Amino acid sequence: VQFVESGGGLVQPGGSLRLSCVASGFPFSWNDMSWYRQTPGKERELVATISSGGGRTNYGDSVKGRFTISRDNAKKTVYLQMNSLKPEDTAVYYCKTGYIDYWGQGTQVTVSS
């Protein structure tokens, strides 16, 4: 199993970023996918989940209305569109499948002026 997360960076409050996660090594199109985030000293927080076919999504309360999760099964890629970013969104973001307990390297998102 491998996840290659990308798209993070430094952005000002109110800005936007789009994260991507290219997955391999498991049946991507059959499995729900999620984005998590973690800051130092805190547990990983579930940000968003999308069903295998993309028809159902769920979001953490802190990101509802600002973030959108989507997927392209042909490309084995899951995305996280993040709008109206706040300093408290600063974290390392990880994608995750329910198929196996495995974490990639993640991508750093920093929201700061």
N, C-alpha and C. Protein backbone atom coordinates (compact mmCIF):
# COMPACT_ATOMS: atom_id res chain seq x y z
N VAL A 1 0.85 -1.19 0.00
CA VAL A 1 0.00 0.00 0.00
C VAL A 1 0.88 1.24 0.00
N GLN A 2 0.50 2.22 -0.76
CA GLN A 2 1.24 3.48 -0.79
C GLN A 2 0.27 4.63 -1.01
N PHE A 3 0.52 5.73 -0.27
CA PHE A 3 -0.20 6.97 -0.47
C PHE A 3 0.83 8.06 -0.77
N VAL A 4 0.59 8.84 -1.80
CA VAL A 4 1.43 9.99 -2.10
C VAL A 4 0.55 11.23 -1.99
N GLU A 5 0.69 11.91 -0.84
CA GLU A 5 -0.09 13.13 -0.58
C GLU A 5 0.69 14.34 -1.07
N SER A 6 -0.02 15.31 -1.65
CA SER A 6 0.61 16.52 -2.15
C SER A 6 -0.39 17.67 -2.12
N GLY A 7 0.13 18.87 -2.37
CA GLY A 7 -0.72 20.04 -2.46
C GLY A 7 -0.68 20.96 -1.26
N GLY A 8 0.01 20.54 -0.21
CA GLY A 8 0.11 21.39 0.96
C GLY A 8 1.01 22.58 0.71
N GLY A 9 1.07 23.47 1.70
CA GLY A 9 1.92 24.64 1.58
C GLY A 9 1.53 25.70 2.57
N LEU A 10 2.08 26.90 2.36
CA LEU A 10 1.79 28.05 3.21
C LEU A 10 0.74 28.92 2.51
N VAL A 11 -0.32 29.25 3.23
CA VAL A 11 -1.39 30.07 2.67
C VAL A 11 -1.88 31.04 3.72
N GLN A 12 -2.33 32.20 3.28
CA GLN A 12 -2.86 33.20 4.20
C GLN A 12 -4.26 32.83 4.67
N PRO A 13 -4.66 33.29 5.84
CA PRO A 13 -6.05 33.06 6.28
C PRO A 13 -7.04 33.54 5.23
N GLY A 14 -8.07 32.71 5.02
CA GLY A 14 -9.06 33.01 3.99
C GLY A 14 -8.74 32.42 2.64
N GLY A 15 -7.54 31.89 2.49
CA GLY A 15 -7.11 31.32 1.22
C GLY A 15 -7.59 29.89 1.02
N SER A 16 -7.15 29.30 -0.09
CA SER A 16 -7.58 27.96 -0.47
C SER A 16 -6.39 27.10 -0.86
N LEU A 17 -6.56 25.81 -0.67
CA LEU A 17 -5.60 24.81 -1.14
C LEU A 17 -6.38 23.58 -1.58
N ARG A 18 -5.79 22.83 -2.51
CA ARG A 18 -6.36 21.56 -2.92
C ARG A 18 -5.34 20.46 -2.71
N LEU A 19 -5.65 19.54 -1.82
CA LEU A 19 -4.77 18.41 -1.55
C LEU A 19 -5.14 17.24 -2.46
N SER A 20 -4.13 16.46 -2.82
CA SER A 20 -4.33 15.24 -3.61
C SER A 20 -3.65 14.08 -2.92
N CYS A 21 -4.21 12.91 -3.10
CA CYS A 21 -3.60 11.68 -2.57
C CYS A 21 -3.76 10.60 -3.63
N VAL A 22 -2.63 10.18 -4.18
CA VAL A 22 -2.62 9.09 -5.15
C VAL A 22 -2.34 7.79 -4.40
N ALA A 23 -3.24 6.84 -4.55
CA ALA A 23 -3.14 5.59 -3.80
C ALA A 23 -2.77 4.43 -4.71
N SER A 24 -2.14 3.43 -4.13
CA SER A 24 -1.82 2.21 -4.88
C SER A 24 -1.68 1.04 -3.91
N GLY A 25 -1.77 -0.18 -4.47
CA GLY A 25 -1.52 -1.37 -3.66
C GLY A 25 -2.73 -1.99 -3.00
N PHE A 26 -3.92 -1.48 -3.29
CA PHE A 26 -5.15 -2.06 -2.75
C PHE A 26 -6.30 -1.68 -3.69
N PRO A 27 -7.44 -2.34 -3.56
CA PRO A 27 -8.57 -2.05 -4.46
C PRO A 27 -9.24 -0.71 -4.14
N PHE A 28 -8.67 0.34 -4.67
CA PHE A 28 -9.08 1.71 -4.35
C PHE A 28 -10.57 1.94 -4.55
N SER A 29 -11.09 1.53 -5.68
CA SER A 29 -12.48 1.88 -6.02
C SER A 29 -13.50 1.13 -5.18
N TRP A 30 -13.08 0.15 -4.40
CA TRP A 30 -13.99 -0.60 -3.55
C TRP A 30 -14.01 -0.10 -2.12
N ASN A 31 -13.19 0.88 -1.79
CA ASN A 31 -13.01 1.28 -0.40
C ASN A 31 -13.29 2.76 -0.16
N ASP A 32 -13.93 3.02 1.00
CA ASP A 32 -14.08 4.39 1.44
C ASP A 32 -12.69 4.99 1.66
N MET A 33 -12.60 6.31 1.50
CA MET A 33 -11.35 7.02 1.75
C MET A 33 -11.62 8.21 2.67
N SER A 34 -10.60 8.55 3.45
CA SER A 34 -10.74 9.64 4.40
C SER A 34 -9.50 10.53 4.38
N TRP A 35 -9.70 11.74 4.83
CA TRP A 35 -8.60 12.66 5.14
C TRP A 35 -8.59 12.87 6.65
N TYR A 36 -7.41 12.80 7.23
CA TYR A 36 -7.19 13.11 8.64
C TYR A 36 -6.16 14.24 8.71
N ARG A 37 -6.08 14.86 9.88
CA ARG A 37 -5.02 15.85 10.12
C ARG A 37 -4.52 15.71 11.54
N GLN A 38 -3.28 16.16 11.73
CA GLN A 38 -2.66 16.06 13.05
C GLN A 38 -1.73 17.23 13.29
N THR A 39 -1.81 17.78 14.49
CA THR A 39 -0.88 18.80 14.94
C THR A 39 -0.08 18.23 16.09
N PRO A 40 1.14 18.75 16.32
CA PRO A 40 1.99 18.21 17.39
C PRO A 40 1.29 18.19 18.73
N GLY A 41 1.38 17.05 19.41
CA GLY A 41 0.81 16.94 20.74
C GLY A 41 -0.66 16.60 20.78
N LYS A 42 -1.27 16.47 19.60
CA LYS A 42 -2.70 16.15 19.53
C LYS A 42 -2.92 14.85 18.76
N GLU A 43 -4.06 14.21 19.01
CA GLU A 43 -4.42 13.01 18.26
C GLU A 43 -4.84 13.38 16.85
N ARG A 44 -4.72 12.40 15.96
CA ARG A 44 -5.21 12.64 14.59
C ARG A 44 -6.71 12.89 14.62
N GLU A 45 -7.14 13.83 13.80
CA GLU A 45 -8.54 14.25 13.73
C GLU A 45 -9.10 13.87 12.37
N LEU A 46 -10.27 13.23 12.36
CA LEU A 46 -10.93 12.91 11.11
C LEU A 46 -11.49 14.18 10.49
N VAL A 47 -11.10 14.47 9.26
CA VAL A 47 -11.54 15.68 8.57
C VAL A 47 -12.74 15.40 7.67
N ALA A 48 -12.62 14.35 6.85
CA ALA A 48 -13.69 14.05 5.89
C ALA A 48 -13.57 12.61 5.41
N THR A 49 -14.71 12.04 5.02
CA THR A 49 -14.76 10.69 4.49
C THR A 49 -15.64 10.68 3.25
N ILE A 50 -15.26 9.85 2.27
CA ILE A 50 -16.05 9.69 1.06
C ILE A 50 -16.23 8.19 0.79
N SER A 51 -17.44 7.82 0.38
CA SER A 51 -17.72 6.42 0.10
C SER A 51 -17.00 5.94 -1.15
N SER A 52 -16.99 4.64 -1.36
CA SER A 52 -16.23 4.06 -2.46
C SER A 52 -16.65 4.62 -3.82
N GLY A 53 -17.94 4.83 -3.99
CA GLY A 53 -18.43 5.35 -5.26
C GLY A 53 -18.52 6.86 -5.32
N GLY A 54 -18.26 7.51 -4.21
CA GLY A 54 -18.27 8.97 -4.15
C GLY A 54 -19.62 9.58 -3.84
N GLY A 55 -20.65 8.76 -3.64
CA GLY A 55 -21.98 9.29 -3.44
C GLY A 55 -22.28 9.81 -2.05
N ARG A 56 -21.49 9.40 -1.08
CA ARG A 56 -21.71 9.83 0.30
C ARG A 56 -20.45 10.45 0.86
N THR A 57 -20.62 11.57 1.54
CA THR A 57 -19.51 12.25 2.19
C THR A 57 -19.90 12.65 3.61
N ASN A 58 -18.91 12.73 4.47
CA ASN A 58 -19.11 13.19 5.84
C ASN A 58 -17.94 14.07 6.23
N TYR A 59 -18.22 15.07 7.06
CA TYR A 59 -17.20 16.04 7.44
C TYR A 59 -17.18 16.25 8.95
N GLY A 60 -15.98 16.55 9.44
CA GLY A 60 -15.87 16.98 10.82
C GLY A 60 -16.53 18.33 11.01
N ASP A 61 -17.04 18.57 12.20
CA ASP A 61 -17.77 19.81 12.45
C ASP A 61 -16.92 21.05 12.18
N SER A 62 -15.63 20.95 12.42
CA SER A 62 -14.76 22.12 12.29
C SER A 62 -14.52 22.53 10.83
N VAL A 63 -14.84 21.65 9.87
CA VAL A 63 -14.56 21.97 8.47
C VAL A 63 -15.81 21.99 7.60
N LYS A 64 -16.97 21.67 8.17
CA LYS A 64 -18.21 21.65 7.39
C LYS A 64 -18.46 23.01 6.73
N GLY A 65 -18.81 22.96 5.46
CA GLY A 65 -19.09 24.17 4.71
C GLY A 65 -17.86 24.85 4.13
N ARG A 66 -16.68 24.38 4.50
CA ARG A 66 -15.44 24.97 3.99
C ARG A 66 -14.62 23.99 3.16
N PHE A 67 -14.64 22.73 3.53
CA PHE A 67 -13.85 21.70 2.84
C PHE A 67 -14.77 20.79 2.03
N THR A 68 -14.23 20.27 0.92
CA THR A 68 -14.97 19.32 0.08
C THR A 68 -14.06 18.17 -0.30
N ILE A 69 -14.50 16.95 -0.01
CA ILE A 69 -13.75 15.75 -0.39
C ILE A 69 -14.35 15.20 -1.67
N SER A 70 -13.48 14.72 -2.55
CA SER A 70 -13.93 14.09 -3.80
C SER A 70 -12.92 13.02 -4.20
N ARG A 71 -13.27 12.24 -5.21
CA ARG A 71 -12.36 11.18 -5.64
C ARG A 71 -12.53 10.91 -7.13
N ASP A 72 -11.46 10.38 -7.71
CA ASP A 72 -11.46 9.94 -9.11
C ASP A 72 -10.95 8.51 -9.09
N ASN A 73 -11.86 7.54 -9.20
CA ASN A 73 -11.46 6.14 -9.08
C ASN A 73 -10.58 5.69 -10.26
N ALA A 74 -10.77 6.29 -11.41
CA ALA A 74 -9.93 5.94 -12.55
C ALA A 74 -8.47 6.32 -12.31
N LYS A 75 -8.27 7.40 -11.57
CA LYS A 75 -6.91 7.87 -11.26
C LYS A 75 -6.43 7.40 -9.89
N LYS A 76 -7.30 6.67 -9.16
CA LYS A 76 -6.96 6.21 -7.80
C LYS A 76 -6.50 7.38 -6.94
N THR A 77 -7.25 8.45 -7.01
CA THR A 77 -6.88 9.69 -6.33
C THR A 77 -8.06 10.22 -5.54
N VAL A 78 -7.78 10.69 -4.33
CA VAL A 78 -8.77 11.38 -3.52
C VAL A 78 -8.27 12.80 -3.29
N TYR A 79 -9.21 13.75 -3.28
CA TYR A 79 -8.88 15.17 -3.17
C TYR A 79 -9.54 15.77 -1.94
N LEU A 80 -8.95 16.87 -1.48
CA LEU A 80 -9.57 17.67 -0.43
C LEU A 80 -9.43 19.14 -0.82
N GLN A 81 -10.53 19.74 -1.22
CA GLN A 81 -10.56 21.17 -1.52
C GLN A 81 -10.83 21.92 -0.22
N MET A 82 -9.92 22.79 0.13
CA MET A 82 -10.01 23.52 1.40
C MET A 82 -10.15 25.01 1.10
N ASN A 83 -11.27 25.59 1.47
CA ASN A 83 -11.53 27.02 1.28
C ASN A 83 -11.67 27.72 2.63
N SER A 84 -11.58 29.02 2.59
CA SER A 84 -11.73 29.84 3.81
C SER A 84 -10.86 29.30 4.94
N LEU A 85 -9.62 29.07 4.62
CA LEU A 85 -8.72 28.46 5.60
C LEU A 85 -8.47 29.37 6.79
N LYS A 86 -8.31 28.73 7.94
CA LYS A 86 -8.08 29.43 9.20
C LYS A 86 -6.76 28.96 9.80
N PRO A 87 -6.15 29.76 10.66
CA PRO A 87 -4.90 29.32 11.30
C PRO A 87 -5.05 27.97 12.01
N GLU A 88 -6.22 27.70 12.55
CA GLU A 88 -6.41 26.42 13.26
C GLU A 88 -6.49 25.23 12.33
N ASP A 89 -6.50 25.45 11.02
CA ASP A 89 -6.43 24.35 10.05
C ASP A 89 -4.99 23.88 9.83
N THR A 90 -4.03 24.61 10.39
CA THR A 90 -2.64 24.22 10.26
C THR A 90 -2.40 22.84 10.84
N ALA A 91 -1.85 21.94 10.02
CA ALA A 91 -1.65 20.56 10.45
C ALA A 91 -0.95 19.79 9.32
N VAL A 92 -0.55 18.57 9.61
CA VAL A 92 -0.16 17.63 8.57
C VAL A 92 -1.40 16.85 8.20
N TYR A 93 -1.68 16.79 6.91
CA TYR A 93 -2.89 16.13 6.41
C TYR A 93 -2.51 14.79 5.79
N TYR A 94 -3.28 13.76 6.13
CA TYR A 94 -3.04 12.40 5.68
C TYR A 94 -4.30 11.84 5.02
N CYS A 95 -4.12 11.04 3.97
CA CYS A 95 -5.25 10.26 3.48
C CYS A 95 -5.17 8.87 4.08
N LYS A 96 -6.33 8.19 4.08
CA LYS A 96 -6.42 6.90 4.78
C LYS A 96 -7.52 6.07 4.13
N THR A 97 -7.27 4.76 4.07
CA THR A 97 -8.29 3.84 3.63
C THR A 97 -8.68 2.93 4.78
N GLY A 98 -9.93 2.47 4.76
CA GLY A 98 -10.36 1.52 5.76
C GLY A 98 -9.88 0.11 5.47
N TYR A 99 -9.27 -0.07 4.30
CA TYR A 99 -8.82 -1.40 3.87
C TYR A 99 -7.70 -1.93 4.74
N ILE A 100 -6.82 -1.01 5.20
CA ILE A 100 -5.65 -1.42 5.96
C ILE A 100 -5.22 -0.28 6.86
N ASP A 101 -4.61 -0.61 7.99
CA ASP A 101 -4.14 0.42 8.92
C ASP A 101 -2.75 0.87 8.48
N TYR A 102 -2.71 1.86 7.61
CA TYR A 102 -1.44 2.34 7.06
C TYR A 102 -1.54 3.85 6.88
N TRP A 103 -0.45 4.54 7.24
CA TRP A 103 -0.38 5.99 7.09
C TRP A 103 0.80 6.36 6.21
N GLY A 104 0.58 7.30 5.31
CA GLY A 104 1.65 7.81 4.49
C GLY A 104 2.41 8.91 5.19
N GLN A 105 3.17 9.69 4.42
CA GLN A 105 3.99 10.77 5.00
C GLN A 105 3.18 12.02 5.28
N GLY A 106 2.07 12.18 4.61
CA GLY A 106 1.25 13.36 4.81
C GLY A 106 1.79 14.57 4.06
N THR A 107 1.01 15.65 4.09
CA THR A 107 1.42 16.91 3.48
C THR A 107 1.11 18.04 4.45
N GLN A 108 2.08 18.93 4.64
CA GLN A 108 1.96 20.00 5.63
C GLN A 108 1.14 21.16 5.06
N VAL A 109 0.16 21.59 5.84
CA VAL A 109 -0.62 22.78 5.52
C VAL A 109 -0.39 23.79 6.64
N THR A 110 0.04 24.98 6.27
CA THR A 110 0.27 26.04 7.23
C THR A 110 -0.54 27.27 6.82
N VAL A 111 -1.40 27.72 7.73
CA VAL A 111 -2.23 28.90 7.46
C VAL A 111 -1.75 30.01 8.37
N SER A 112 -1.15 31.02 7.77
CA SER A 112 -0.55 32.09 8.56
C SER A 112 -0.40 33.33 7.70
N SER A 113 -0.51 34.48 8.35
CA SER A 113 -0.27 35.73 7.64
C SER A 113 1.17 36.18 7.82
